[in-house]
Amino acid sequence: FTASKDNAKSTVYLEMNRLKPEDTAVYYCA
């Protein structure tokens, strides 16, 4: 996983690669 941001858009991203069944969840940003 890689977290990144765009300050101008006040937006953050979570790039998730090679996902596994155990990654199944509700994802929250805080």
All heavy atoms as atom14 arrays in JSON, in Angstrom:
{
  "sequence": "FTASKDNAKSTVYLEMNRLKPEDTAVYYCA",
  "atom14_mask": [
    [1, 1, 1, 1, 1, 1, 1, 1, 1, 1, 1, 0, 0, 0],
    [1, 1, 1, 1, 1, 1, 1, 0, 0, 0, 0, 0, 0, 0],
    [1, 1, 1, 1, 1, 0, 0, 0, 0, 0, 0, 0, 0, 0],
    [1, 1, 1, 1, 1, 1, 0, 0, 0, 0, 0, 0, 0, 0],
    [1, 1, 1, 1, 1, 1, 1, 1, 1, 0, 0, 0, 0, 0],
    [1, 1, 1, 1, 1, 1, 1, 1, 0, 0, 0, 0, 0, 0],
    [1, 1, 1, 1, 1, 1, 1, 1, 0, 0, 0, 0, 0, 0],
    [1, 1, 1, 1, 1, 0, 0, 0, 0, 0, 0, 0, 0, 0],
    [1, 1, 1, 1, 1, 1, 1, 1, 1, 0, 0, 0, 0, 0],
    [1, 1, 1, 1, 1, 1, 0, 0, 0, 0, 0, 0, 0, 0],
    [1, 1, 1, 1, 1, 1, 1, 0, 0, 0, 0, 0, 0, 0],
    [1, 1, 1, 1, 1, 1, 1, 0, 0, 0, 0, 0, 0, 0],
    [1, 1, 1, 1, 1, 1, 1, 1, 1, 1, 1, 1, 0, 0],
    [1, 1, 1, 1, 1, 1, 1, 1, 0, 0, 0, 0, 0, 0],
    [1, 1, 1, 1, 1, 1, 1, 1, 1, 0, 0, 0, 0, 0],
    [1, 1, 1, 1, 1, 1, 1, 1, 0, 0, 0, 0, 0, 0],
    [1, 1, 1, 1, 1, 1, 1, 1, 0, 0, 0, 0, 0, 0],
    [1, 1, 1, 1, 1, 1, 1, 1, 1, 1, 1, 0, 0, 0],
    [1, 1, 1, 1, 1, 1, 1, 1, 0, 0, 0, 0, 0, 0],
    [1, 1, 1, 1, 1, 1, 1, 1, 1, 0, 0, 0, 0, 0],
    [1, 1, 1, 1, 1, 1, 1, 0, 0, 0, 0, 0, 0, 0],
    [1, 1, 1, 1, 1, 1, 1, 1, 1, 0, 0, 0, 0, 0],
    [1, 1, 1, 1, 1, 1, 1, 1, 0, 0, 0, 0, 0, 0],
    [1, 1, 1, 1, 1, 1, 1, 0, 0, 0, 0, 0, 0, 0],
    [1, 1, 1, 1, 1, 0, 0, 0, 0, 0, 0, 0, 0, 0],
    [1, 1, 1, 1, 1, 1, 1, 0, 0, 0, 0, 0, 0, 0],
    [1, 1, 1, 1, 1, 1, 1, 1, 1, 1, 1, 1, 0, 0],
    [1, 1, 1, 1, 1, 1, 1, 1, 1, 1, 1, 1, 0, 0],
    [1, 1, 1, 1, 1, 1, 0, 0, 0, 0, 0, 0, 0, 0],
    [1, 1, 1, 1, 1, 0, 0, 0, 0, 0, 0, 0, 0, 0]
  ],
  "atom14_positions": [
    [[0.84, -1.19, 0.0], [0.0, 0.0, 0.0], [0.88, 1.25, 0.0], [1.95, 1.26, 0.61], [-0.9, 0.04, 1.23], [-1.99, -1.01, 1.28], [-2.01, -2.08, 0.38], [-2.99, -0.92, 2.21], [-3.02, -3.03, 0.43], [-4.01, -1.86, 2.28], [-4.01, -2.92, 1.38], [0.0, 0.0, 0.0], [0.0, 0.0, 0.0], [0.0, 0.0, 0.0]],
    [[0.37, 2.29, -0.66], [1.08, 3.56, -0.7], [0.1, 4.7, -0.43], [-0.93, 4.8, -1.12], [1.75, 3.79, -2.06], [2.65, 2.71, -2.33], [2.52, 5.09, -2.06], [0.0, 0.0, 0.0], [0.0, 0.0, 0.0], [0.0, 0.0, 0.0], [0.0, 0.0, 0.0], [0.0, 0.0, 0.0], [0.0, 0.0, 0.0], [0.0, 0.0, 0.0]],
    [[0.42, 5.51, 0.54], [-0.39, 6.7, 0.83], [0.22, 7.89, 0.11], [1.45, 8.04, 0.05], [-0.42, 6.97, 2.33], [0.0, 0.0, 0.0], [0.0, 0.0, 0.0], [0.0, 0.0, 0.0], [0.0, 0.0, 0.0], [0.0, 0.0, 0.0], [0.0, 0.0, 0.0], [0.0, 0.0, 0.0], [0.0, 0.0, 0.0], [0.0, 0.0, 0.0]],
    [[-0.64, 8.73, -0.45], [-0.17, 9.93, -1.13], [-1.19, 11.04, -0.9], [-2.26, 10.8, -0.33], [0.04, 9.68, -2.62], [-1.19, 9.31, -3.24], [0.0, 0.0, 0.0], [0.0, 0.0, 0.0], [0.0, 0.0, 0.0], [0.0, 0.0, 0.0], [0.0, 0.0, 0.0], [0.0, 0.0, 0.0], [0.0, 0.0, 0.0], [0.0, 0.0, 0.0]],
    [[-0.86, 12.24, -1.36], [-1.74, 13.38, -1.09], [-1.69, 14.37, -2.22], [-0.74, 14.43, -2.99], [-1.3, 14.05, 0.22], [0.11, 14.62, 0.15], [0.55, 15.17, 1.49], [1.97, 15.71, 1.42], [2.08, 16.89, 0.58], [0.0, 0.0, 0.0], [0.0, 0.0, 0.0], [0.0, 0.0, 0.0], [0.0, 0.0, 0.0], [0.0, 0.0, 0.0]],
    [[-2.73, 15.17, -2.26], [-2.79, 16.3, -3.17], [-3.22, 17.48, -2.32], [-4.41, 17.64, -2.02], [-3.78, 16.04, -4.3], [-3.78, 17.15, -5.33], [-3.49, 18.33, -4.97], [-4.1, 16.87, -6.49], [0.0, 0.0, 0.0], [0.0, 0.0, 0.0], [0.0, 0.0, 0.0], [0.0, 0.0, 0.0], [0.0, 0.0, 0.0], [0.0, 0.0, 0.0]],
    [[-2.27, 18.28, -1.91], [-2.59, 19.39, -1.0], [-3.59, 20.37, -1.61], [-4.47, 20.86, -0.92], [-1.31, 20.14, -0.61], [-0.43, 19.35, 0.32], [-0.03, 18.24, 0.0], [-0.12, 19.9, 1.47], [0.0, 0.0, 0.0], [0.0, 0.0, 0.0], [0.0, 0.0, 0.0], [0.0, 0.0, 0.0], [0.0, 0.0, 0.0], [0.0, 0.0, 0.0]],
    [[-3.45, 20.62, -2.88], [-4.33, 21.58, -3.54], [-5.79, 21.13, -3.5], [-6.7, 21.95, -3.44], [-3.88, 21.8, -4.98], [0.0, 0.0, 0.0], [0.0, 0.0, 0.0], [0.0, 0.0, 0.0], [0.0, 0.0, 0.0], [0.0, 0.0, 0.0], [0.0, 0.0, 0.0], [0.0, 0.0, 0.0], [0.0, 0.0, 0.0], [0.0, 0.0, 0.0]],
    [[-5.99, 19.82, -3.53], [-7.36, 19.28, -3.5], [-7.77, 18.84, -2.11], [-8.88, 18.33, -1.94], [-7.46, 18.09, -4.46], [-7.24, 18.44, -5.92], [-7.39, 17.2, -6.8], [-7.2, 17.55, -8.26], [-7.33, 16.35, -9.12], [0.0, 0.0, 0.0], [0.0, 0.0, 0.0], [0.0, 0.0, 0.0], [0.0, 0.0, 0.0], [0.0, 0.0, 0.0]],
    [[-6.88, 18.98, -1.12], [-7.14, 18.49, 0.23], [-7.61, 17.04, 0.19], [-8.57, 16.65, 0.87], [-8.19, 19.37, 0.93], [-7.67, 20.65, 1.17], [0.0, 0.0, 0.0], [0.0, 0.0, 0.0], [0.0, 0.0, 0.0], [0.0, 0.0, 0.0], [0.0, 0.0, 0.0], [0.0, 0.0, 0.0], [0.0, 0.0, 0.0], [0.0, 0.0, 0.0]],
    [[-6.95, 16.26, -0.61], [-7.33, 14.87, -0.82], [-6.14, 13.96, -0.59], [-5.02, 14.28, -1.0], [-7.87, 14.66, -2.25], [-9.05, 15.47, -2.43], [-8.24, 13.19, -2.49], [0.0, 0.0, 0.0], [0.0, 0.0, 0.0], [0.0, 0.0, 0.0], [0.0, 0.0, 0.0], [0.0, 0.0, 0.0], [0.0, 0.0, 0.0], [0.0, 0.0, 0.0]],
    [[-6.38, 12.86, 0.08], [-5.35, 11.84, 0.24], [-5.82, 10.57, -0.44], [-7.02, 10.35, -0.63], [-5.02, 11.56, 1.73], [-4.39, 12.79, 2.36], [-6.25, 11.11, 2.49], [0.0, 0.0, 0.0], [0.0, 0.0, 0.0], [0.0, 0.0, 0.0], [0.0, 0.0, 0.0], [0.0, 0.0, 0.0], [0.0, 0.0, 0.0], [0.0, 0.0, 0.0]],
    [[-4.84, 9.75, -0.79], [-5.12, 8.53, -1.52], [-4.44, 7.35, -0.84], [-3.42, 7.5, -0.16], [-4.6, 8.65, -2.96], [-5.11, 9.86, -3.69], [-4.36, 11.03, -3.74], [-6.34, 9.84, -4.33], [-4.83, 12.16, -4.4], [-6.82, 10.95, -5.0], [-6.06, 12.11, -5.03], [-6.54, 13.21, -5.68], [0.0, 0.0, 0.0], [0.0, 0.0, 0.0]],
    [[-5.01, 6.19, -1.05], [-4.39, 4.96, -0.59], [-4.38, 4.0, -1.77], [-5.43, 3.47, -2.16], [-5.15, 4.35, 0.59], [-4.49, 3.12, 1.21], [-3.16, 3.53, 1.88], [-5.4, 2.45, 2.24], [0.0, 0.0, 0.0], [0.0, 0.0, 0.0], [0.0, 0.0, 0.0], [0.0, 0.0, 0.0], [0.0, 0.0, 0.0], [0.0, 0.0, 0.0]],
    [[-3.21, 3.85, -2.36], [-3.06, 2.92, -3.46], [-2.8, 1.54, -2.86], [-1.82, 1.36, -2.13], [-1.89, 3.35, -4.35], [-1.66, 2.47, -5.56], [-2.69, 2.7, -6.65], [-3.15, 3.85, -6.8], [-3.03, 1.73, -7.35], [0.0, 0.0, 0.0], [0.0, 0.0, 0.0], [0.0, 0.0, 0.0], [0.0, 0.0, 0.0], [0.0, 0.0, 0.0]],
    [[-3.65, 0.6, -3.18], [-3.55, -0.74, -2.6], [-3.26, -1.74, -3.71], [-4.07, -1.91, -4.62], [-4.86, -1.1, -1.88], [-5.29, -0.09, -0.83], [-6.72, -0.6, 0.13], [-7.97, -0.61, -1.15], [0.0, 0.0, 0.0], [0.0, 0.0, 0.0], [0.0, 0.0, 0.0], [0.0, 0.0, 0.0], [0.0, 0.0, 0.0], [0.0, 0.0, 0.0]],
    [[-2.1, -2.35, -3.63], [-1.67, -3.33, -4.64], [-1.57, -4.71, -4.03], [-1.44, -4.87, -2.81], [-0.32, -2.9, -5.22], [-0.4, -1.56, -5.93], [-1.33, -1.3, -6.69], [0.58, -0.71, -5.68], [0.0, 0.0, 0.0], [0.0, 0.0, 0.0], [0.0, 0.0, 0.0], [0.0, 0.0, 0.0], [0.0, 0.0, 0.0], [0.0, 0.0, 0.0]],
    [[-1.58, -5.71, -4.88], [-1.46, -7.11, -4.46], [-2.4, -7.4, -3.31], [-2.0, -7.92, -2.26], [-0.01, -7.42, -4.09], [0.96, -7.13, -5.22], [2.31, -7.78, -5.03], [2.94, -7.49, -3.75], [3.65, -6.4, -3.5], [3.79, -5.49, -4.43], [4.21, -6.23, -2.33], [0.0, 0.0, 0.0], [0.0, 0.0, 0.0], [0.0, 0.0, 0.0]],
    [[-3.65, -7.03, -3.5], [-4.63, -7.19, -2.45], [-4.84, -8.66, -2.08], [-4.74, -9.56, -2.94], [-5.96, -6.57, -2.86], [-6.0, -5.04, -2.74], [-7.11, -4.45, -3.58], [-6.13, -4.62, -1.29], [0.0, 0.0, 0.0], [0.0, 0.0, 0.0], [0.0, 0.0, 0.0], [0.0, 0.0, 0.0], [0.0, 0.0, 0.0], [0.0, 0.0, 0.0]],
    [[-5.11, -8.88, -0.81], [-5.32, -10.22, -0.28], [-6.73, -10.29, 0.34], [-7.27, -9.26, 0.75], [-4.29, -10.51, 0.81], [-2.85, -10.37, 0.38], [-1.92, -10.56, 1.56], [-0.47, -10.38, 1.17], [0.44, -10.55, 2.34], [0.0, 0.0, 0.0], [0.0, 0.0, 0.0], [0.0, 0.0, 0.0], [0.0, 0.0, 0.0], [0.0, 0.0, 0.0]],
    [[-7.28, -11.48, 0.44], [-8.61, -11.59, 1.08], [-8.63, -10.99, 2.48], [-9.65, -10.43, 2.89], [-8.84, -13.1, 1.11], [-8.09, -13.61, -0.08], [-6.85, -12.76, -0.14], [0.0, 0.0, 0.0], [0.0, 0.0, 0.0], [0.0, 0.0, 0.0], [0.0, 0.0, 0.0], [0.0, 0.0, 0.0], [0.0, 0.0, 0.0], [0.0, 0.0, 0.0]],
    [[-7.53, -11.07, 3.19], [-7.48, -10.51, 4.54], [-7.49, -8.99, 4.56], [-7.57, -8.37, 5.63], [-6.29, -11.05, 5.33], [-4.97, -10.92, 4.62], [-4.57, -12.22, 3.91], [-5.44, -12.83, 3.25], [-3.38, -12.59, 4.01], [0.0, 0.0, 0.0], [0.0, 0.0, 0.0], [0.0, 0.0, 0.0], [0.0, 0.0, 0.0], [0.0, 0.0, 0.0]],
    [[-7.39, -8.36, 3.4], [-7.52, -6.9, 3.31], [-8.98, -6.47, 3.27], [-9.28, -5.27, 3.31], [-6.81, -6.35, 2.07], [-5.31, -6.55, 2.13], [-4.72, -6.33, 3.21], [-4.72, -6.9, 1.09], [0.0, 0.0, 0.0], [0.0, 0.0, 0.0], [0.0, 0.0, 0.0], [0.0, 0.0, 0.0], [0.0, 0.0, 0.0], [0.0, 0.0, 0.0]],
    [[-9.88, -7.42, 3.17], [-11.3, -7.11, 3.17], [-11.7, -6.4, 4.45], [-11.43, -6.9, 5.54], [-12.13, -8.4, 3.0], [-11.88, -8.96, 1.72], [-13.62, -8.11, 3.15], [0.0, 0.0, 0.0], [0.0, 0.0, 0.0], [0.0, 0.0, 0.0], [0.0, 0.0, 0.0], [0.0, 0.0, 0.0], [0.0, 0.0, 0.0], [0.0, 0.0, 0.0]],
    [[-12.31, -5.23, 4.32], [-12.68, -4.43, 5.48], [-13.39, -3.17, 5.0], [-13.41, -2.87, 3.81], [-11.45, -4.04, 6.29], [0.0, 0.0, 0.0], [0.0, 0.0, 0.0], [0.0, 0.0, 0.0], [0.0, 0.0, 0.0], [0.0, 0.0, 0.0], [0.0, 0.0, 0.0], [0.0, 0.0, 0.0], [0.0, 0.0, 0.0], [0.0, 0.0, 0.0]],
    [[-13.95, -2.45, 5.95], [-14.38, -1.07, 5.68], [-13.19, -0.18, 5.99], [-12.62, -0.26, 7.08], [-15.59, -0.68, 6.53], [-15.97, 0.78, 6.27], [-16.77, -1.6, 6.24], [0.0, 0.0, 0.0], [0.0, 0.0, 0.0], [0.0, 0.0, 0.0], [0.0, 0.0, 0.0], [0.0, 0.0, 0.0], [0.0, 0.0, 0.0], [0.0, 0.0, 0.0]],
    [[-12.83, 0.64, 5.04], [-11.68, 1.52, 5.19], [-12.15, 2.93, 5.5], [-13.04, 3.47, 4.83], [-10.84, 1.52, 3.91], [-10.01, 0.27, 3.76], [-10.6, -0.95, 3.47], [-8.64, 0.31, 3.94], [-9.85, -2.1, 3.36], [-7.86, -0.85, 3.84], [-8.48, -2.04, 3.54], [-7.73, -3.19, 3.45], [0.0, 0.0, 0.0], [0.0, 0.0, 0.0]],
    [[-11.55, 3.5, 6.53], [-11.9, 4.84, 6.98], [-10.68, 5.75, 6.87], [-9.57, 5.34, 7.17], [-12.32, 4.81, 8.44], [-13.55, 3.98, 8.73], [-13.45, 2.63, 9.03], [-14.82, 4.56, 8.71], [-14.58, 1.87, 9.29], [-15.95, 3.82, 8.98], [-15.82, 2.47, 9.26], [-16.94, 1.72, 9.53], [0.0, 0.0, 0.0], [0.0, 0.0, 0.0]],
    [[-10.93, 6.98, 6.46], [-9.87, 7.96, 6.6], [-10.17, 8.82, 7.81], [-11.33, 8.97, 8.23], [-9.69, 8.81, 5.34], [-11.0, 9.98, 5.01], [0.0, 0.0, 0.0], [0.0, 0.0, 0.0], [0.0, 0.0, 0.0], [0.0, 0.0, 0.0], [0.0, 0.0, 0.0], [0.0, 0.0, 0.0], [0.0, 0.0, 0.0], [0.0, 0.0, 0.0]],
    [[-9.13, 9.35, 8.39], [-9.24, 10.15, 9.59], [-8.28, 11.33, 9.47], [-7.27, 11.24, 8.77], [-8.91, 9.32, 10.82], [0.0, 0.0, 0.0], [0.0, 0.0, 0.0], [0.0, 0.0, 0.0], [0.0, 0.0, 0.0], [0.0, 0.0, 0.0], [0.0, 0.0, 0.0], [0.0, 0.0, 0.0], [0.0, 0.0, 0.0], [0.0, 0.0, 0.0]]
  ]
}
